[in-house]
Amino acid sequence: MKLLVKIIPNAKKTEAVGWEGQTLKIRLSAPPIEGKANKELIKFLAEICDCAPSEIEITKGLTGKQKTLEVPCLPTI
């Protein structure tokens, strides 16, 4: 299932903020350097979805704040 995400890096803590239309806003404590924010995003979503991080894939937006992810098991958030 596709998930549209807007990330806010360098936040105090990692948390889902809410929905902005069809896009989920997520604050990440990691900086957007060397893929650290992407790794934290995948780890955070894996915990929420109760699936392995290897099952989640960023399909668009690897270097931007707007991302499209393929998530196999999305819970009701």
Protein backbone atom coordinates (compact mmCIF):
# COMPACT_ATOMS: atom_id res chain seq x y z
CA MET A 1 0.00 0.00 0.00
CA LYS A 2 1.33 3.47 -0.87
CA LEU A 3 1.81 6.04 1.87
CA LEU A 4 2.54 9.72 1.26
CA VAL A 5 4.70 11.29 3.97
CA LYS A 6 6.03 14.77 4.68
CA ILE A 7 8.95 14.70 7.09
CA ILE A 8 10.25 17.38 9.41
CA PRO A 9 13.86 16.47 10.32
CA ASN A 10 15.84 17.67 13.37
CA ALA A 11 12.80 17.61 15.66
CA LYS A 12 13.05 17.13 19.43
CA LYS A 13 11.47 13.68 19.15
CA THR A 14 10.20 11.33 16.48
CA GLU A 15 6.42 11.33 16.25
CA ALA A 16 3.51 11.32 13.83
CA VAL A 17 1.98 14.80 13.84
CA GLY A 18 -1.19 14.16 11.87
CA TRP A 19 -2.67 14.25 8.41
CA GLU A 20 -2.34 17.07 5.90
CA GLY A 21 -4.86 15.97 3.27
CA GLN A 22 -3.70 12.51 2.21
CA THR A 23 -0.16 13.08 3.48
CA LEU A 24 1.02 11.94 6.91
CA LYS A 25 3.28 14.48 8.64
CA ILE A 26 6.06 12.95 10.73
CA ARG A 27 8.67 14.72 12.86
CA LEU A 28 12.04 12.97 12.97
CA SER A 29 14.79 13.60 15.50
CA ALA A 30 17.46 12.52 12.99
CA PRO A 31 19.17 15.05 10.71
CA PRO A 32 18.72 14.80 6.93
CA ILE A 33 22.37 13.82 6.46
CA GLU A 34 23.69 10.61 4.89
CA GLY A 35 20.25 8.97 4.93
CA LYS A 36 19.87 9.14 8.72
CA ALA A 37 16.37 10.66 8.51
CA ASN A 38 15.27 8.02 5.97
CA LYS A 39 16.53 5.21 8.21
CA GLU A 40 14.72 6.66 11.21
CA LEU A 41 11.53 7.10 9.17
CA ILE A 42 11.58 3.46 8.08
CA LYS A 43 12.33 2.27 11.63
CA PHE A 44 9.50 4.42 13.05
CA LEU A 45 6.96 3.21 10.48
CA ALA A 46 8.03 -0.42 11.00
CA GLU A 47 7.29 -0.07 14.73
CA ILE A 48 3.86 1.47 14.06
CA CYS A 49 2.97 -1.10 11.40
CA ASP A 50 4.43 -4.05 13.32
CA CYS A 51 6.49 -5.22 10.35
CA ALA A 52 10.18 -5.54 9.51
CA PRO A 53 12.01 -2.40 8.34
CA SER A 54 13.14 -4.36 5.27
CA GLU A 55 9.49 -4.60 4.16
CA ILE A 56 9.16 -0.79 3.87
CA GLU A 57 10.57 0.92 0.80
CA ILE A 58 10.91 4.59 -0.11
CA THR A 59 9.82 4.68 -3.76
CA LYS A 60 9.99 8.46 -4.32
CA GLY A 61 11.67 11.35 -2.54
CA LEU A 62 14.86 9.82 -1.18
CA THR A 63 16.46 13.28 -0.85
CA GLY A 64 13.36 15.42 -0.27
CA LYS A 65 10.89 16.07 2.52
CA GLN A 66 7.95 14.72 0.50
CA LYS A 67 8.19 10.94 0.24
CA THR A 68 6.17 8.08 -1.17
CA LEU A 69 6.62 4.77 0.61
CA GLU A 70 5.46 1.26 -0.07
CA VAL A 71 4.23 -0.17 3.23
CA PRO A 72 2.78 -3.72 3.19
CA CYS A 73 0.75 -3.51 6.40
CA LEU A 74 -0.69 -0.11 7.26
CA PRO A 75 -2.70 0.09 10.48
CA THR A 76 -5.41 2.67 11.02
CA ILE A 77 -3.48 5.72 12.14
